Amino acid sequence: MAVAAVVPCSLATLAQTPPGPPLPIPAALVTKVNAAVDADTARLTANFKDLHQHPEIAFTESRTAAIVAKDLRSLGFAVTEGVGKTGVVGVLRSELRSTRLLS
């Protein structure tokens, strides 16, 4: 699954952010993310193998899009399908009122 963007704030805030090196990621967060990925390795590997065993030509990826949409919904994302024909956008609103965007 390709992740086009992860936006931790509004676009207006992002536009006001000066360019420069990315902020460091706290070690505790890296550890937490690594543990979550490790716990989900079997499912992620199965998805990887399945998607590669069923390749689709550009702009006909309806099966892949359906799988991505289903996974995003299961994670609590609001999903919009059919973006640019077969694109999928997932939006996750956090308790901190910021928005996460996966497409």
N, C-alpha and C. Protein backbone atom coordinates (compact mmCIF):
# COMPACT_ATOMS: atom_id res chain seq x y z
N MET A 1 0.85 -1.17 0.00
CA MET A 1 0.00 0.00 0.00
C MET A 1 0.89 1.23 0.00
N ALA A 2 0.67 2.11 -0.93
CA ALA A 2 1.46 3.32 -1.00
C ALA A 2 0.85 4.39 -0.11
N VAL A 3 1.69 5.06 0.61
CA VAL A 3 1.24 6.17 1.44
C VAL A 3 1.75 7.44 0.79
N ALA A 4 0.83 8.26 0.30
CA ALA A 4 1.24 9.46 -0.41
C ALA A 4 1.59 10.59 0.55
N ALA A 5 0.85 10.69 1.64
CA ALA A 5 1.12 11.81 2.54
C ALA A 5 0.57 11.52 3.92
N VAL A 6 1.26 11.99 4.92
CA VAL A 6 0.76 11.97 6.29
C VAL A 6 0.88 13.41 6.77
N VAL A 7 -0.24 14.05 7.01
CA VAL A 7 -0.26 15.46 7.36
C VAL A 7 -0.73 15.61 8.80
N PRO A 8 0.16 16.01 9.73
CA PRO A 8 -0.21 16.09 11.14
C PRO A 8 -0.86 17.41 11.54
N CYS A 9 -1.21 18.25 10.59
CA CYS A 9 -1.81 19.54 10.92
C CYS A 9 -2.61 20.02 9.72
N SER A 10 -3.24 21.17 9.88
CA SER A 10 -4.01 21.72 8.77
C SER A 10 -3.06 22.20 7.67
N LEU A 11 -3.56 22.29 6.45
CA LEU A 11 -2.74 22.78 5.35
C LEU A 11 -2.32 24.23 5.58
N ALA A 12 -3.19 25.02 6.22
CA ALA A 12 -2.85 26.41 6.51
C ALA A 12 -1.65 26.48 7.44
N THR A 13 -1.65 25.63 8.46
CA THR A 13 -0.52 25.58 9.39
C THR A 13 0.72 25.09 8.68
N LEU A 14 0.55 24.08 7.84
CA LEU A 14 1.67 23.53 7.10
C LEU A 14 2.29 24.59 6.19
N ALA A 15 1.46 25.40 5.56
CA ALA A 15 1.95 26.44 4.66
C ALA A 15 2.76 27.49 5.42
N GLN A 16 2.49 27.66 6.71
CA GLN A 16 3.19 28.65 7.52
C GLN A 16 4.47 28.09 8.15
N THR A 17 4.67 26.79 8.03
CA THR A 17 5.83 26.15 8.63
C THR A 17 7.06 26.45 7.77
N PRO A 18 8.10 27.02 8.36
CA PRO A 18 9.28 27.32 7.56
C PRO A 18 9.96 26.04 7.09
N PRO A 19 10.57 26.08 5.90
CA PRO A 19 11.26 24.88 5.42
C PRO A 19 12.47 24.60 6.30
N GLY A 20 12.86 23.37 6.31
CA GLY A 20 14.02 22.99 7.10
C GLY A 20 14.01 21.50 7.32
N PRO A 21 14.95 21.02 8.10
CA PRO A 21 15.01 19.58 8.35
C PRO A 21 13.79 19.14 9.16
N PRO A 22 13.39 17.90 8.99
CA PRO A 22 12.24 17.41 9.76
C PRO A 22 12.55 17.40 11.25
N LEU A 23 11.51 17.53 12.04
CA LEU A 23 11.68 17.47 13.48
C LEU A 23 12.06 16.05 13.88
N PRO A 24 12.87 15.89 14.93
CA PRO A 24 13.24 14.55 15.37
C PRO A 24 12.02 13.80 15.91
N ILE A 25 12.02 12.51 15.70
CA ILE A 25 10.93 11.66 16.19
C ILE A 25 11.35 11.11 17.55
N PRO A 26 10.51 11.29 18.57
CA PRO A 26 10.87 10.79 19.91
C PRO A 26 11.10 9.28 19.90
N ALA A 27 12.11 8.84 20.60
CA ALA A 27 12.47 7.42 20.66
C ALA A 27 11.31 6.57 21.15
N ALA A 28 10.54 7.08 22.10
CA ALA A 28 9.40 6.32 22.64
C ALA A 28 8.35 6.07 21.55
N LEU A 29 8.15 7.06 20.68
CA LEU A 29 7.20 6.90 19.59
C LEU A 29 7.70 5.87 18.58
N VAL A 30 8.99 5.90 18.26
CA VAL A 30 9.58 4.92 17.35
C VAL A 30 9.40 3.52 17.91
N THR A 31 9.65 3.36 19.20
CA THR A 31 9.48 2.05 19.85
C THR A 31 8.04 1.58 19.77
N LYS A 32 7.10 2.49 20.02
CA LYS A 32 5.68 2.15 19.99
C LYS A 32 5.24 1.74 18.58
N VAL A 33 5.68 2.49 17.58
CA VAL A 33 5.32 2.18 16.19
C VAL A 33 5.94 0.84 15.78
N ASN A 34 7.20 0.63 16.12
CA ASN A 34 7.85 -0.64 15.79
C ASN A 34 7.12 -1.82 16.42
N ALA A 35 6.67 -1.67 17.66
CA ALA A 35 5.94 -2.75 18.33
C ALA A 35 4.60 -3.02 17.63
N ALA A 36 3.92 -1.96 17.20
CA ALA A 36 2.64 -2.13 16.50
C ALA A 36 2.84 -2.83 15.17
N VAL A 37 3.89 -2.46 14.45
CA VAL A 37 4.18 -3.12 13.16
C VAL A 37 4.57 -4.58 13.40
N ASP A 38 5.40 -4.84 14.40
CA ASP A 38 5.79 -6.21 14.71
C ASP A 38 4.57 -7.07 15.03
N ALA A 39 3.62 -6.51 15.78
CA ALA A 39 2.42 -7.26 16.15
C ALA A 39 1.52 -7.52 14.95
N ASP A 40 1.65 -6.72 13.90
CA ASP A 40 0.79 -6.82 12.72
C ASP A 40 1.52 -7.41 11.51
N THR A 41 2.72 -7.93 11.73
CA THR A 41 3.55 -8.41 10.62
C THR A 41 2.86 -9.49 9.79
N ALA A 42 2.20 -10.42 10.42
CA ALA A 42 1.57 -11.52 9.66
C ALA A 42 0.51 -10.98 8.69
N ARG A 43 -0.33 -10.06 9.15
CA ARG A 43 -1.38 -9.49 8.28
C ARG A 43 -0.75 -8.64 7.17
N LEU A 44 0.24 -7.83 7.54
CA LEU A 44 0.89 -6.98 6.55
C LEU A 44 1.60 -7.82 5.47
N THR A 45 2.24 -8.89 5.88
CA THR A 45 2.92 -9.77 4.93
C THR A 45 1.91 -10.46 4.02
N ALA A 46 0.79 -10.90 4.58
CA ALA A 46 -0.26 -11.53 3.76
C ALA A 46 -0.80 -10.54 2.74
N ASN A 47 -1.04 -9.29 3.16
CA ASN A 47 -1.51 -8.26 2.23
C ASN A 47 -0.48 -8.02 1.13
N PHE A 48 0.78 -7.91 1.50
CA PHE A 48 1.86 -7.69 0.53
C PHE A 48 1.87 -8.80 -0.51
N LYS A 49 1.85 -10.04 -0.05
CA LYS A 49 1.89 -11.17 -0.98
C LYS A 49 0.64 -11.21 -1.86
N ASP A 50 -0.53 -10.97 -1.27
CA ASP A 50 -1.77 -10.98 -2.03
C ASP A 50 -1.77 -9.92 -3.13
N LEU A 51 -1.38 -8.70 -2.78
CA LEU A 51 -1.37 -7.62 -3.77
C LEU A 51 -0.39 -7.90 -4.90
N HIS A 52 0.74 -8.53 -4.59
CA HIS A 52 1.72 -8.83 -5.63
C HIS A 52 1.34 -10.06 -6.45
N GLN A 53 0.49 -10.92 -5.92
CA GLN A 53 0.00 -12.06 -6.69
C GLN A 53 -1.16 -11.68 -7.59
N HIS A 54 -1.73 -10.50 -7.39
CA HIS A 54 -2.87 -10.02 -8.19
C HIS A 54 -2.58 -8.61 -8.69
N PRO A 55 -1.56 -8.45 -9.57
CA PRO A 55 -1.23 -7.11 -10.05
C PRO A 55 -2.34 -6.53 -10.92
N GLU A 56 -2.44 -5.21 -10.90
CA GLU A 56 -3.45 -4.52 -11.71
C GLU A 56 -2.77 -3.39 -12.48
N ILE A 57 -3.25 -3.15 -13.68
CA ILE A 57 -2.72 -2.10 -14.53
C ILE A 57 -3.18 -0.74 -13.99
N ALA A 58 -2.36 0.28 -14.21
CA ALA A 58 -2.67 1.63 -13.74
C ALA A 58 -4.09 2.05 -14.10
N PHE A 59 -4.76 2.66 -13.15
CA PHE A 59 -6.13 3.17 -13.27
C PHE A 59 -7.17 2.06 -13.45
N THR A 60 -6.78 0.82 -13.15
CA THR A 60 -7.75 -0.28 -13.11
C THR A 60 -7.61 -1.04 -11.79
N GLU A 61 -6.99 -0.42 -10.80
CA GLU A 61 -6.69 -1.09 -9.54
C GLU A 61 -7.89 -1.14 -8.59
N SER A 62 -9.01 -1.59 -9.08
CA SER A 62 -10.22 -1.61 -8.25
C SER A 62 -10.11 -2.61 -7.10
N ARG A 63 -9.50 -3.75 -7.33
CA ARG A 63 -9.34 -4.75 -6.26
C ARG A 63 -8.42 -4.22 -5.17
N THR A 64 -7.29 -3.65 -5.59
CA THR A 64 -6.34 -3.08 -4.64
C THR A 64 -6.97 -1.95 -3.85
N ALA A 65 -7.70 -1.08 -4.54
CA ALA A 65 -8.36 0.05 -3.88
C ALA A 65 -9.36 -0.44 -2.84
N ALA A 66 -10.09 -1.48 -3.16
CA ALA A 66 -11.08 -2.02 -2.21
C ALA A 66 -10.39 -2.57 -0.96
N ILE A 67 -9.25 -3.22 -1.15
CA ILE A 67 -8.50 -3.77 -0.01
C ILE A 67 -7.98 -2.63 0.87
N VAL A 68 -7.42 -1.60 0.24
CA VAL A 68 -6.89 -0.45 0.99
C VAL A 68 -8.02 0.25 1.74
N ALA A 69 -9.16 0.46 1.07
CA ALA A 69 -10.30 1.13 1.71
C ALA A 69 -10.79 0.33 2.91
N LYS A 70 -10.87 -0.98 2.75
CA LYS A 70 -11.33 -1.84 3.85
C LYS A 70 -10.37 -1.74 5.05
N ASP A 71 -9.06 -1.80 4.77
CA ASP A 71 -8.08 -1.70 5.85
C ASP A 71 -8.15 -0.34 6.55
N LEU A 72 -8.27 0.74 5.78
CA LEU A 72 -8.35 2.06 6.39
C LEU A 72 -9.60 2.19 7.26
N ARG A 73 -10.73 1.69 6.76
CA ARG A 73 -11.97 1.74 7.57
C ARG A 73 -11.79 0.96 8.86
N SER A 74 -11.15 -0.21 8.78
CA SER A 74 -10.96 -1.02 9.99
C SER A 74 -10.08 -0.32 11.02
N LEU A 75 -9.27 0.64 10.56
CA LEU A 75 -8.40 1.41 11.45
C LEU A 75 -9.06 2.70 11.93
N GLY A 76 -10.31 2.94 11.51
CA GLY A 76 -11.04 4.10 11.98
C GLY A 76 -10.97 5.33 11.09
N PHE A 77 -10.44 5.17 9.88
CA PHE A 77 -10.35 6.30 8.95
C PHE A 77 -11.69 6.53 8.26
N ALA A 78 -12.01 7.78 7.97
CA ALA A 78 -13.11 8.12 7.07
C ALA A 78 -12.53 7.96 5.67
N VAL A 79 -13.19 7.17 4.83
CA VAL A 79 -12.61 6.79 3.54
C VAL A 79 -13.44 7.36 2.39
N THR A 80 -12.72 7.90 1.40
CA THR A 80 -13.33 8.34 0.15
C THR A 80 -12.68 7.52 -0.96
N GLU A 81 -13.52 6.85 -1.74
CA GLU A 81 -13.01 6.04 -2.84
C GLU A 81 -13.29 6.72 -4.17
N GLY A 82 -12.60 6.27 -5.22
CA GLY A 82 -12.83 6.78 -6.55
C GLY A 82 -12.16 8.12 -6.83
N VAL A 83 -11.18 8.47 -6.04
CA VAL A 83 -10.47 9.73 -6.24
C VAL A 83 -9.52 9.54 -7.42
N GLY A 84 -9.71 10.34 -8.48
CA GLY A 84 -8.87 10.16 -9.67
C GLY A 84 -9.07 8.80 -10.29
N LYS A 85 -10.24 8.26 -10.20
CA LYS A 85 -10.72 6.98 -10.73
C LYS A 85 -10.58 5.85 -9.72
N THR A 86 -9.36 5.47 -9.35
CA THR A 86 -9.21 4.33 -8.43
C THR A 86 -8.51 4.69 -7.13
N GLY A 87 -8.29 5.98 -6.89
CA GLY A 87 -7.59 6.40 -5.67
C GLY A 87 -8.45 6.27 -4.43
N VAL A 88 -7.79 6.14 -3.31
CA VAL A 88 -8.45 6.03 -2.00
C VAL A 88 -7.81 7.05 -1.07
N VAL A 89 -8.64 7.80 -0.36
CA VAL A 89 -8.14 8.76 0.63
C VAL A 89 -8.74 8.39 1.98
N GLY A 90 -7.88 8.32 2.99
CA GLY A 90 -8.33 8.06 4.34
C GLY A 90 -7.99 9.23 5.23
N VAL A 91 -8.96 9.70 6.00
CA VAL A 91 -8.75 10.82 6.92
C VAL A 91 -9.04 10.33 8.33
N LEU A 92 -8.08 10.56 9.22
CA LEU A 92 -8.23 10.19 10.62
C LEU A 92 -8.16 11.45 11.46
N ARG A 93 -9.24 11.74 12.14
CA ARG A 93 -9.26 12.90 13.03
C ARG A 93 -8.87 12.43 14.42
N SER A 94 -7.93 13.15 15.03
CA SER A 94 -7.46 12.75 16.34
C SER A 94 -8.18 13.54 17.43
N GLU A 95 -7.98 13.13 18.65
CA GLU A 95 -8.58 13.82 19.79
C GLU A 95 -7.99 15.21 19.95
N LEU A 96 -6.83 15.45 19.36
CA LEU A 96 -6.18 16.74 19.47
C LEU A 96 -6.65 17.72 18.39
N ARG A 97 -7.66 17.31 17.63
CA ARG A 97 -8.25 18.13 16.58
C ARG A 97 -7.34 18.36 15.40
N SER A 98 -6.30 17.56 15.27
CA SER A 98 -5.48 17.63 14.08
C SER A 98 -5.96 16.51 13.14
N THR A 99 -5.53 16.53 11.94
CA THR A 99 -6.01 15.58 10.94
C THR A 99 -4.84 14.80 10.38
N ARG A 100 -5.06 13.52 10.16
CA ARG A 100 -4.08 12.66 9.50
C ARG A 100 -4.66 12.25 8.16
N LEU A 101 -3.90 12.37 7.11
CA LEU A 101 -4.37 12.07 5.77
C LEU A 101 -3.51 11.01 5.15
N LEU A 102 -4.11 9.93 4.70
CA LEU A 102 -3.42 8.90 3.94
C LEU A 102 -4.11 8.77 2.60
N SER A 103 -3.35 8.76 1.56
CA SER A 103 -3.94 8.56 0.24
C SER A 103 -3.04 7.72 -0.61
